[in-house]
N, C-alpha and C. Protein backbone atom coordinates (compact mmCIF):
# COMPACT_ATOMS: atom_id res chain seq x y z
N MET A 1 -17.99 -0.55 6.57
CA MET A 1 -17.84 0.83 5.07
C MET A 1 -18.15 0.19 4.02
N GLU A 2 -18.78 0.78 3.61
CA GLU A 2 -19.45 0.31 2.03
C GLU A 2 -18.74 0.11 1.09
N LYS A 3 -18.71 -0.93 0.08
CA LYS A 3 -18.01 -0.94 -0.86
C LYS A 3 -17.15 -0.21 -1.80
N ALA A 4 -18.47 0.74 -2.30
CA ALA A 4 -18.54 2.16 -3.21
C ALA A 4 -17.01 2.56 -1.98
N ALA A 5 -17.25 3.00 -1.08
CA ALA A 5 -16.42 4.00 -0.07
C ALA A 5 -14.97 3.10 -0.17
N LEU A 6 -15.01 1.75 0.01
CA LEU A 6 -13.88 0.96 0.14
C LEU A 6 -12.55 0.92 -1.29
N VAL A 7 -13.38 1.11 -1.92
CA VAL A 7 -12.39 1.12 -3.72
C VAL A 7 -12.37 2.95 -3.73
N LEU A 8 -13.13 3.94 -3.15
CA LEU A 8 -12.68 5.10 -2.99
C LEU A 8 -11.83 5.35 -2.14
N LEU A 9 -11.46 4.64 -1.28
CA LEU A 9 -10.77 5.24 -0.12
C LEU A 9 -9.61 4.48 -0.63
N ARG A 10 -9.33 2.73 -1.69
CA ARG A 10 -8.30 3.03 -2.15
C ARG A 10 -7.86 3.58 -3.02
N PHE A 11 -8.39 4.44 -3.74
CA PHE A 11 -7.81 4.68 -4.68
C PHE A 11 -7.40 6.21 -4.47
N CYS A 12 -7.99 6.62 -3.61
CA CYS A 12 -7.65 8.39 -3.39
C CYS A 12 -6.03 7.62 -2.89
N TRP A 13 -5.91 6.45 -1.72
CA TRP A 13 -4.90 5.83 -0.99
C TRP A 13 -3.58 5.81 -2.44
N LYS A 14 -3.45 5.31 -3.15
CA LYS A 14 -3.21 5.62 -4.33
C LYS A 14 -3.05 6.72 -5.14
N VAL A 15 -3.56 7.42 -5.24
CA VAL A 15 -3.14 8.65 -5.99
C VAL A 15 -2.48 9.56 -4.48
N PHE A 16 -3.04 9.83 -3.61
CA PHE A 16 -2.01 10.32 -2.77
C PHE A 16 -0.41 9.46 -2.44
N THR A 17 -0.13 8.45 -2.88
CA THR A 17 1.08 7.41 -2.46
C THR A 17 1.64 7.68 -3.78
N MET A 18 1.05 8.32 -5.07
CA MET A 18 1.51 7.77 -6.33
C MET A 18 2.10 9.47 -6.11
N ILE A 19 1.63 10.62 -5.75
CA ILE A 19 1.58 11.96 -5.89
C ILE A 19 3.61 11.76 -5.18
N ARG A 20 3.81 11.38 -3.81
CA ARG A 20 4.08 11.92 -2.57
C ARG A 20 5.39 10.83 -3.47
N ASP A 21 5.67 9.42 -3.66
CA ASP A 21 6.52 9.04 -4.75
C ASP A 21 7.08 9.84 -5.90
N SER A 22 6.50 10.13 -6.85
CA SER A 22 6.93 10.96 -7.27
C SER A 22 7.33 12.78 -7.29
N ILE A 23 7.11 12.89 -6.16
CA ILE A 23 8.01 14.27 -4.98
C ILE A 23 8.99 13.75 -5.05
N LEU A 24 9.52 13.04 -4.30
CA LEU A 24 10.58 12.07 -3.49
C LEU A 24 11.76 11.88 -5.15
N GLN A 25 10.76 11.21 -5.55
CA GLN A 25 12.08 10.75 -6.86
C GLN A 25 12.31 12.10 -7.63
N LEU A 26 11.62 13.33 -8.61
CA LEU A 26 11.88 13.92 -8.37
C LEU A 26 12.87 15.17 -7.72
N LEU A 27 12.52 15.30 -6.58
CA LEU A 27 13.84 15.49 -5.62
C LEU A 27 14.81 14.96 -5.47
N GLY A 28 15.27 14.02 -5.54
CA GLY A 28 15.71 12.96 -5.37
C GLY A 28 16.56 13.15 -6.70
N LYS A 29 16.52 13.03 -7.83
CA LYS A 29 17.06 13.46 -9.36
C LYS A 29 18.04 15.02 -9.52
N ARG A 30 16.93 16.12 -8.67
CA ARG A 30 17.61 17.34 -8.78
C ARG A 30 17.89 17.87 -7.31
N ALA A 31 19.23 17.72 -7.28
CA ALA A 31 19.37 18.24 -5.78
C ALA A 31 19.86 18.86 -5.53
N TYR A 32 19.76 19.91 -6.35
CA TYR A 32 20.19 21.48 -6.45
C TYR A 32 18.28 22.49 -5.55
N GLY A 33 18.00 21.68 -5.42
CA GLY A 33 16.81 22.12 -4.48
C GLY A 33 15.62 22.59 -5.49
N LEU A 34 14.49 22.34 -5.32
CA LEU A 34 13.49 22.94 -6.17
C LEU A 34 12.35 23.74 -5.71
N THR A 35 11.60 24.70 -6.45
CA THR A 35 10.54 25.26 -5.30
C THR A 35 9.44 24.74 -5.76
N ILE A 36 8.11 25.10 -5.31
CA ILE A 36 6.61 25.11 -4.99
C ILE A 36 6.49 25.38 -6.51
N LYS A 37 6.73 25.88 -7.33
CA LYS A 37 6.39 25.95 -8.68
C LYS A 37 7.14 25.39 -9.62
N GLU A 38 8.19 24.83 -9.16
CA GLU A 38 8.81 23.99 -10.09
C GLU A 38 8.49 22.10 -9.86
N VAL A 39 8.28 21.72 -8.96
CA VAL A 39 7.67 21.18 -9.06
C VAL A 39 6.70 20.41 -9.39
N ALA A 40 5.63 21.53 -8.82
CA ALA A 40 4.27 21.38 -9.05
C ALA A 40 4.06 20.97 -11.46
N ASN A 41 4.89 22.51 -12.03
CA ASN A 41 5.35 22.75 -13.28
C ASN A 41 5.53 21.12 -13.54
N THR A 42 6.85 20.68 -13.26
CA THR A 42 7.15 19.37 -14.00
C THR A 42 6.48 18.08 -13.42
N LEU A 43 5.87 18.04 -12.42
CA LEU A 43 4.47 17.35 -12.32
C LEU A 43 3.32 17.03 -13.05
N ARG A 44 2.82 18.79 -13.13
CA ARG A 44 1.79 18.86 -13.93
C ARG A 44 0.68 18.62 -12.71
N ILE A 45 0.98 19.53 -11.93
CA ILE A 45 -0.03 18.95 -10.87
C ILE A 45 -0.31 20.82 -10.29
N ASN A 46 -1.22 21.07 -9.87
CA ASN A 46 -1.70 22.17 -8.82
C ASN A 46 -0.47 23.00 -8.05
N ARG A 47 -0.22 24.15 -8.19
CA ARG A 47 0.80 24.69 -6.91
C ARG A 47 0.62 24.55 -5.73
N SER A 48 -1.00 24.24 -5.48
CA SER A 48 -1.50 24.89 -4.27
C SER A 48 -1.40 22.82 -3.53
N THR A 49 -1.96 22.03 -5.23
CA THR A 49 -1.40 20.64 -4.17
C THR A 49 0.17 20.22 -4.08
N ALA A 50 0.90 20.72 -4.38
CA ALA A 50 2.47 20.53 -4.53
C ALA A 50 2.43 21.20 -3.37
N SER A 51 2.54 22.03 -3.07
CA SER A 51 2.82 22.57 -1.41
C SER A 51 2.00 22.29 -0.92
N LYS A 52 1.13 21.33 -0.76
CA LYS A 52 0.43 20.59 1.00
C LYS A 52 1.00 19.20 0.52
N TYR A 53 1.41 18.40 -0.30
CA TYR A 53 2.24 17.38 -0.14
C TYR A 53 3.83 17.56 0.00
N LEU A 54 4.66 18.75 -0.16
CA LEU A 54 5.60 18.99 0.39
C LEU A 54 6.15 19.39 1.62
N PHE A 55 5.07 20.67 2.17
CA PHE A 55 5.12 20.20 3.36
C PHE A 55 4.34 19.10 4.75
N ALA A 56 3.89 18.16 3.83
CA ALA A 56 3.82 17.13 4.24
C ALA A 56 4.86 16.49 4.51
N LEU A 57 5.40 16.22 3.63
CA LEU A 57 6.98 15.91 3.14
C LEU A 57 8.22 16.36 4.28
N GLU A 58 7.82 17.86 4.65
CA GLU A 58 8.49 18.68 5.88
C GLU A 58 8.33 18.06 7.12
N ALA A 59 6.98 18.38 7.35
CA ALA A 59 6.70 17.38 8.61
C ALA A 59 7.29 15.88 8.95
N GLU A 60 6.79 15.52 7.93
CA GLU A 60 7.58 13.45 7.88
C GLU A 60 9.19 13.95 8.14
N LYS A 61 9.85 14.50 7.90
CA LYS A 61 11.50 14.74 7.89
C LYS A 61 12.03 14.30 6.83
N LYS A 62 11.11 13.92 6.08
CA LYS A 62 11.75 13.07 3.98
C LYS A 62 12.22 14.05 3.08
N ILE A 63 12.12 15.35 3.65
CA ILE A 63 12.92 16.41 3.07
C ILE A 63 13.47 17.55 3.39
N VAL A 64 14.16 18.73 3.99
CA VAL A 64 14.68 19.83 3.60
C VAL A 64 14.20 20.98 3.19
N VAL A 65 14.03 21.77 3.81
CA VAL A 65 13.58 23.21 3.16
C VAL A 65 14.20 24.62 3.63
N ARG A 66 14.86 25.32 2.24
CA ARG A 66 15.64 26.24 2.37
C ARG A 66 14.72 27.17 2.16
N ILE A 67 15.15 28.75 2.78
CA ILE A 67 14.34 29.55 2.29
C ILE A 67 15.32 31.09 1.49
N VAL A 68 14.51 31.09 0.90
CA VAL A 68 15.99 31.99 -0.12
C VAL A 68 14.99 33.04 -0.17
N GLY A 69 14.99 34.35 0.35
CA GLY A 69 14.37 35.48 -0.17
C GLY A 69 12.95 34.91 0.08
N LYS A 70 12.11 35.43 -1.04
CA LYS A 70 10.79 34.98 -1.04
C LYS A 70 10.65 33.47 -1.17
N ALA A 71 11.78 32.78 -1.67
CA ALA A 71 11.31 31.83 -2.40
C ALA A 71 11.85 30.30 -1.34
N LYS A 72 11.24 28.83 -1.87
CA LYS A 72 11.56 28.08 -0.12
C LYS A 72 12.22 27.10 -0.96
N LEU A 73 13.92 26.50 -0.96
CA LEU A 73 13.90 25.28 -2.28
C LEU A 73 13.78 23.70 -0.89
N HIS A 74 13.52 23.53 -2.23
CA HIS A 74 13.06 21.63 -1.51
C HIS A 74 14.08 20.81 -1.43
N TYR A 75 14.98 20.24 -0.65
CA TYR A 75 15.85 19.18 -0.93
C TYR A 75 15.72 17.56 -0.35
N PRO A 76 15.42 16.48 -1.04
CA PRO A 76 15.61 15.57 -0.24
C PRO A 76 16.81 14.90 1.34
N LYS A 77 15.76 14.30 1.66
CA LYS A 77 16.79 14.68 2.93
C LYS A 77 18.57 13.83 2.94
N GLY A 78 19.23 14.42 3.37
CA GLY A 78 20.70 13.64 3.65
C GLY A 78 21.35 14.84 2.24
N VAL A 79 20.84 15.88 1.05
CA VAL A 79 21.73 16.11 0.39
C VAL A 79 22.73 17.60 1.41
N ARG A 80 23.41 17.44 1.18
CA ARG A 80 24.14 18.66 2.27
C ARG A 80 23.60 20.29 1.14
N ILE A 81 23.34 21.15 1.91
CA ILE A 81 23.12 22.74 1.66
C ILE A 81 23.74 23.34 2.07
């Protein structure tokens, strides 16, 4: 790989882990559950970006999702719902 490609890859990984860790930290502080919109607004990221990260965290079993009506509430793993 070229040096520029490696630099870009490291940058992308850093951004990915920063957003992921921010979401986990936010959910840990607010154990009452947050919607995708609330996560996006609080972290000032696009709603679709928040949705993708939350979906990935759910697949990794790092968070738990509960559907309430049309909303999905996201909780950190281990919180009693």
